């Protein structure tokens, strides 16, 4: 399902679904008052560089 819809602009998947469907490690999503999405530092830096390419060159 992920592969067939991944190219669509309207496709969205939650972190929780991603972890469950791909057995991903290094990501964690918790719900609730003090919940949030947490990632291994390497994953977080790669995501930051994807959002702002300037980070990649500094």
PDB file of N, CA and C in Angstrom:
ATOM      1  N   UNK A   1       0.818  -1.193   0.000  1.00  0.00           N
ATOM      2  CA  UNK A   1       0.000   0.000   0.000  1.00  0.00           C
ATOM      3  C   UNK A   1       0.864   1.260   0.000  1.00  0.00           C
ATOM      4  N   UNK A   2       1.905   1.290   0.784  1.00  0.00           N
ATOM      5  CA  UNK A   2       2.763   2.476   0.858  1.00  0.00           C
ATOM      6  C   UNK A   2       3.404   2.741  -0.500  1.00  0.00           C
ATOM      7  N   UNK A   3       3.939   1.708  -1.113  1.00  0.00           N
ATOM      8  CA  UNK A   3       4.665   1.865  -2.380  1.00  0.00           C
ATOM      9  C   UNK A   3       3.754   2.373  -3.499  1.00  0.00           C
ATOM     10  N   UNK A   4       2.521   1.901  -3.533  1.00  0.00           N
ATOM     11  CA  UNK A   4       1.623   2.299  -4.622  1.00  0.00           C
ATOM     12  C   UNK A   4       1.111   3.733  -4.473  1.00  0.00           C
ATOM     13  N   UNK A   5       1.111   4.280  -3.267  1.00  0.00           N
ATOM     14  CA  UNK A   5       0.571   5.616  -3.050  1.00  0.00           C
ATOM     15  C   UNK A   5       1.642   6.654  -2.718  1.00  0.00           C
ATOM     16  N   UNK A   6       2.873   6.249  -2.573  1.00  0.00           N
ATOM     17  CA  UNK A   6       3.934   7.143  -2.100  1.00  0.00           C
ATOM     18  C   UNK A   6       4.162   8.350  -3.005  1.00  0.00           C
ATOM     19  N   UNK A   7       3.932   8.254  -4.281  1.00  0.00           N
ATOM     20  CA  UNK A   7       4.175   9.364  -5.195  1.00  0.00           C
ATOM     21  C   UNK A   7       3.059  10.391  -5.238  1.00  0.00           C
ATOM     22  N   UNK A   8       1.959  10.114  -4.610  1.00  0.00           N
ATOM     23  CA  UNK A   8       0.820  11.022  -4.643  1.00  0.00           C
ATOM     24  C   UNK A   8       1.019  12.169  -3.666  1.00  0.00           C
ATOM     25  N   UNK A   9       0.689  13.377  -4.086  1.00  0.00           N
ATOM     26  CA  UNK A   9       0.796  14.535  -3.201  1.00  0.00           C
ATOM     27  C   UNK A   9      -0.162  14.450  -2.029  1.00  0.00           C
ATOM     28  N   UNK A  10      -1.262  13.749  -2.208  1.00  0.00           N
ATOM     29  CA  UNK A  10      -2.275  13.675  -1.158  1.00  0.00           C
ATOM     30  C   UNK A  10      -2.023  12.548  -0.163  1.00  0.00           C
ATOM     31  N   UNK A  11      -1.014  11.729  -0.388  1.00  0.00           N
ATOM     32  CA  UNK A  11      -0.760  10.590   0.499  1.00  0.00           C
ATOM     33  C   UNK A  11      -0.116  11.043   1.797  1.00  0.00           C
ATOM     34  N   UNK A  12      -0.695  10.605   2.905  1.00  0.00           N
ATOM     35  CA  UNK A  12      -0.166  10.933   4.227  1.00  0.00           C
ATOM     36  C   UNK A  12      -0.135   9.664   5.048  1.00  0.00           C
ATOM     37  N   UNK A  13       0.893   9.515   5.859  1.00  0.00           N
ATOM     38  CA  UNK A  13       0.986   8.381   6.758  1.00  0.00           C
ATOM     39  C   UNK A  13       1.539   8.892   8.086  1.00  0.00           C
ATOM     40  N   UNK A  14       0.968   8.424   9.159  1.00  0.00           N
ATOM     41  CA  UNK A  14       1.432   8.862  10.473  1.00  0.00           C
ATOM     42  C   UNK A  14       2.710   8.108  10.850  1.00  0.00           C
ATOM     43  N   UNK A  15       3.443   8.669  11.789  1.00  0.00           N
ATOM     44  CA  UNK A  15       4.669   8.013  12.257  1.00  0.00           C
ATOM     45  C   UNK A  15       4.327   6.659  12.857  1.00  0.00           C
ATOM     46  N   UNK A  16       3.253   6.622  13.605  1.00  0.00           N
ATOM     47  CA  UNK A  16       2.841   5.361  14.240  1.00  0.00           C
ATOM     48  C   UNK A  16       2.552   4.290  13.187  1.00  0.00           C
ATOM     49  N   UNK A  17       1.825   4.647  12.129  1.00  0.00           N
ATOM     50  CA  UNK A  17       1.537   3.699  11.044  1.00  0.00           C
ATOM     51  C   UNK A  17       2.817   3.284  10.324  1.00  0.00           C
ATOM     52  N   UNK A  18       3.714   4.244  10.072  1.00  0.00           N
ATOM     53  CA  UNK A  18       4.981   3.946   9.402  1.00  0.00           C
ATOM     54  C   UNK A  18       5.789   2.913  10.193  1.00  0.00           C
ATOM     55  N   UNK A  19       5.896   3.116  11.500  1.00  0.00           N
ATOM     56  CA  UNK A  19       6.658   2.201  12.353  1.00  0.00           C
ATOM     57  C   UNK A  19       6.021   0.815  12.343  1.00  0.00           C
ATOM     58  N   UNK A  20       4.689   0.758  12.432  1.00  0.00           N
ATOM     59  CA  UNK A  20       4.000  -0.529  12.438  1.00  0.00           C
ATOM     60  C   UNK A  20       4.140  -1.270  11.112  1.00  0.00           C
ATOM     61  N   UNK A  21       4.028  -0.551   9.999  1.00  0.00           N
ATOM     62  CA  UNK A  21       4.025  -1.204   8.685  1.00  0.00           C
ATOM     63  C   UNK A  21       5.421  -1.559   8.185  1.00  0.00           C
ATOM     64  N   UNK A  22       6.440  -0.839   8.635  1.00  0.00           N
ATOM     65  CA  UNK A  22       7.793  -1.075   8.123  1.00  0.00           C
ATOM     66  C   UNK A  22       8.741  -1.635   9.171  1.00  0.00           C
ATOM     67  N   UNK A  23       8.271  -1.814  10.391  1.00  0.00           N
ATOM     68  CA  UNK A  23       9.128  -2.259  11.499  1.00  0.00           C
ATOM     69  C   UNK A  23      10.330  -1.332  11.671  1.00  0.00           C
ATOM     70  N   UNK A  24      10.089  -0.048  11.490  1.00  0.00           N
ATOM     71  CA  UNK A  24      11.151   0.953  11.572  1.00  0.00           C
ATOM     72  C   UNK A  24      11.686   1.053  12.997  1.00  0.00           C
ATOM     73  N   UNK A  25      12.981   1.288  13.094  1.00  0.00           N
ATOM     74  CA  UNK A  25      13.587   1.568  14.390  1.00  0.00           C
ATOM     75  C   UNK A  25      14.157   2.974  14.326  1.00  0.00           C
ATOM     76  N   UNK A  26      14.312   3.602  15.448  1.00  0.00           N
ATOM     77  CA  UNK A  26      14.850   4.959  15.462  1.00  0.00           C
ATOM     78  C   UNK A  26      13.780   6.029  15.458  1.00  0.00           C
ATOM     79  N   UNK A  27      12.518   5.634  15.381  1.00  0.00           N
ATOM     80  CA  UNK A  27      11.391   6.567  15.444  1.00  0.00           C
ATOM     81  C   UNK A  27      10.435   6.110  16.525  1.00  0.00           C
ATOM     82  N   UNK A  28       9.834   7.066  17.215  1.00  0.00           N
ATOM     83  CA  UNK A  28       8.872   6.741  18.256  1.00  0.00           C
ATOM     84  C   UNK A  28       7.810   7.831  18.301  1.00  0.00           C
ATOM     85  N   UNK A  29       6.558   7.413  18.327  1.00  0.00           N
ATOM     86  CA  UNK A  29       5.449   8.353  18.446  1.00  0.00           C
ATOM     87  C   UNK A  29       4.647   7.975  19.679  1.00  0.00           C
ATOM     88  N   UNK A  30       4.424   8.949  20.543  1.00  0.00           N
ATOM     89  CA  UNK A  30       3.620   8.713  21.737  1.00  0.00           C
ATOM     90  C   UNK A  30       2.488   9.730  21.781  1.00  0.00           C
ATOM     91  N   UNK A  31       1.349   9.270  22.215  1.00  0.00           N
ATOM     92  CA  UNK A  31       0.173  10.136  22.304  1.00  0.00           C
ATOM     93  C   UNK A  31       0.023  10.642  23.739  1.00  0.00           C
ATOM     94  N   UNK A  32      -0.830  11.606  23.902  1.00  0.00           N
ATOM     95  CA  UNK A  32      -1.123  12.087  25.237  1.00  0.00           C
ATOM     96  C   UNK A  32      -0.567  13.470  25.512  1.00  0.00           C
ATOM     97  N   UNK A  33      -0.740  13.893  26.739  1.00  0.00           N
ATOM     98  CA  UNK A  33      -0.356  15.243  27.137  1.00  0.00           C
ATOM     99  C   UNK A  33       1.127  15.534  26.912  1.00  0.00           C
ATOM    100  N   UNK A  34       1.978  14.595  27.252  1.00  0.00           N
ATOM    101  CA  UNK A  34       3.424  14.792  27.081  1.00  0.00           C
ATOM    102  C   UNK A  34       3.964  13.963  25.917  1.00  0.00           C
ATOM    103  N   UNK A  35       3.106  13.634  25.008  1.00  0.00           N
ATOM    104  CA  UNK A  35       3.497  12.828  23.862  1.00  0.00           C
ATOM    105  C   UNK A  35       4.231  13.651  22.819  1.00  0.00           C
ATOM    106  N   UNK A  36       4.645  12.980  21.789  1.00  0.00           N
ATOM    107  CA  UNK A  36       5.338  13.650  20.699  1.00  0.00           C
ATOM    108  C   UNK A  36       5.961  12.631  19.768  1.00  0.00           C
ATOM    109  N   UNK A  37       6.714  13.121  18.824  1.00  0.00           N
ATOM    110  CA  UNK A  37       7.422  12.270  17.886  1.00  0.00           C
ATOM    111  C   UNK A  37       8.909  12.452  18.131  1.00  0.00           C
ATOM    112  N   UNK A  38       9.577  11.350  18.325  1.00  0.00           N
ATOM    113  CA  UNK A  38      10.997  11.373  18.629  1.00  0.00           C
ATOM    114  C   UNK A  38      11.743  10.553  17.589  1.00  0.00           C
ATOM    115  N   UNK A  39      12.928  11.030  17.206  1.00  0.00           N
ATOM    116  CA  UNK A  39      13.727  10.332  16.206  1.00  0.00           C
ATOM    117  C   UNK A  39      15.176  10.279  16.648  1.00  0.00           C
ATOM    118  N   UNK A  40      15.867   9.277  16.169  1.00  0.00           N
ATOM    119  CA  UNK A  40      17.305   9.181  16.381  1.00  0.00           C
ATOM    120  C   UNK A  40      17.931  10.440  15.792  1.00  0.00           C
ATOM    121  N   UNK A  41      19.001  10.973  16.415  1.00  0.00           N
ATOM    122  CA  UNK A  41      19.610  12.217  15.908  1.00  0.00           C
ATOM    123  C   UNK A  41      19.986  12.173  14.424  1.00  0.00           C
ATOM    124  N   UNK A  42      20.449  11.042  13.923  1.00  0.00           N
ATOM    125  CA  UNK A  42      20.794  10.952  12.496  1.00  0.00           C
ATOM    126  C   UNK A  42      19.570  11.155  11.609  1.00  0.00           C
ATOM    127  N   UNK A  43      18.448  10.587  12.023  1.00  0.00           N
ATOM    128  CA  UNK A  43      17.210  10.747  11.254  1.00  0.00           C
ATOM    129  C   UNK A  43      16.748  12.200  11.324  1.00  0.00           C
ATOM    130  N   UNK A  44      16.824  12.801  12.507  1.00  0.00           N
ATOM    131  CA  UNK A  44      16.395  14.187  12.673  1.00  0.00           C
ATOM    132  C   UNK A  44      17.232  15.141  11.820  1.00  0.00           C
ATOM    133  N   UNK A  45      18.552  14.944  11.784  1.00  0.00           N
ATOM    134  CA  UNK A  45      19.413  15.811  10.967  1.00  0.00           C
ATOM    135  C   UNK A  45      19.121  15.655   9.483  1.00  0.00           C
ATOM    136  N   UNK A  46      18.913  14.426   9.021  1.00  0.00           N
ATOM    137  CA  UNK A  46      18.586  14.210   7.606  1.00  0.00           C
ATOM    138  C   UNK A  46      17.269  14.896   7.247  1.00  0.00           C
ATOM    139  N   UNK A  47      16.281  14.795   8.143  1.00  0.00           N
ATOM    140  CA  UNK A  47      15.003  15.454   7.899  1.00  0.00           C
ATOM    141  C   UNK A  47      15.184  16.963   7.837  1.00  0.00           C
ATOM    142  N   UNK A  48      15.963  17.507   8.756  1.00  0.00           N
ATOM    143  CA  UNK A  48      16.227  18.945   8.760  1.00  0.00           C
ATOM    144  C   UNK A  48      16.904  19.406   7.481  1.00  0.00           C
ATOM    145  N   UNK A  49      17.842  18.598   6.973  1.00  0.00           N
ATOM    146  CA  UNK A  49      18.530  18.958   5.728  1.00  0.00           C
ATOM    147  C   UNK A  49      17.597  18.863   4.535  1.00  0.00           C
ATOM    148  N   UNK A  50      16.603  17.971   4.600  1.00  0.00           N
ATOM    149  CA  UNK A  50      15.624  17.861   3.521  1.00  0.00           C
ATOM    150  C   UNK A  50      14.735  19.101   3.507  1.00  0.00           C
ATOM    151  N   UNK A  51      14.370  19.595   4.692  1.00  0.00           N
ATOM    152  CA  UNK A  51      13.526  20.776   4.785  1.00  0.00           C
ATOM    153  C   UNK A  51      14.294  22.023   4.370  1.00  0.00           C
ATOM    154  N   UNK A  52      15.544  22.166   4.808  1.00  0.00           N
ATOM    155  CA  UNK A  52      16.346  23.338   4.510  1.00  0.00           C
ATOM    156  C   UNK A  52      17.732  22.910   4.023  1.00  0.00           C
ATOM    157  N   UNK A  53      17.919  22.852   2.698  1.00  0.00           N
ATOM    158  CA  UNK A  53      19.202  22.402   2.149  1.00  0.00           C
ATOM    159  C   UNK A  53      20.399  23.218   2.640  1.00  0.00           C
ATOM    160  N   UNK A  54      20.174  24.440   3.099  1.00  0.00           N
ATOM    161  CA  UNK A  54      21.279  25.254   3.630  1.00  0.00           C
ATOM    162  C   UNK A  54      21.953  24.553   4.808  1.00  0.00           C
ATOM    163  N   UNK A  55      21.186  23.808   5.593  1.00  0.00           N
ATOM    164  CA  UNK A  55      21.755  23.084   6.716  1.00  0.00           C
ATOM    165  C   UNK A  55      22.807  22.066   6.274  1.00  0.00           C
ATOM    166  N   UNK A  56      22.629  21.530   5.078  1.00  0.00           N
ATOM    167  CA  UNK A  56      23.539  20.504   4.572  1.00  0.00           C
ATOM    168  C   UNK A  56      24.927  21.097   4.286  1.00  0.00           C
ATOM    169  N   UNK A  57      24.985  22.360   3.985  1.00  0.00           N
ATOM    170  CA  UNK A  57      26.252  22.975   3.581  1.00  0.00           C
ATOM    171  C   UNK A  57      26.887  23.849   4.660  1.00  0.00           C
ATOM    172  N   UNK A  58      26.291  23.876   5.850  1.00  0.00           N
ATOM    173  CA  UNK A  58      26.880  24.689   6.915  1.00  0.00           C
ATOM    174  C   UNK A  58      27.590  23.839   7.927  1.00  0.00           C
TER     175      UNK A  58
END
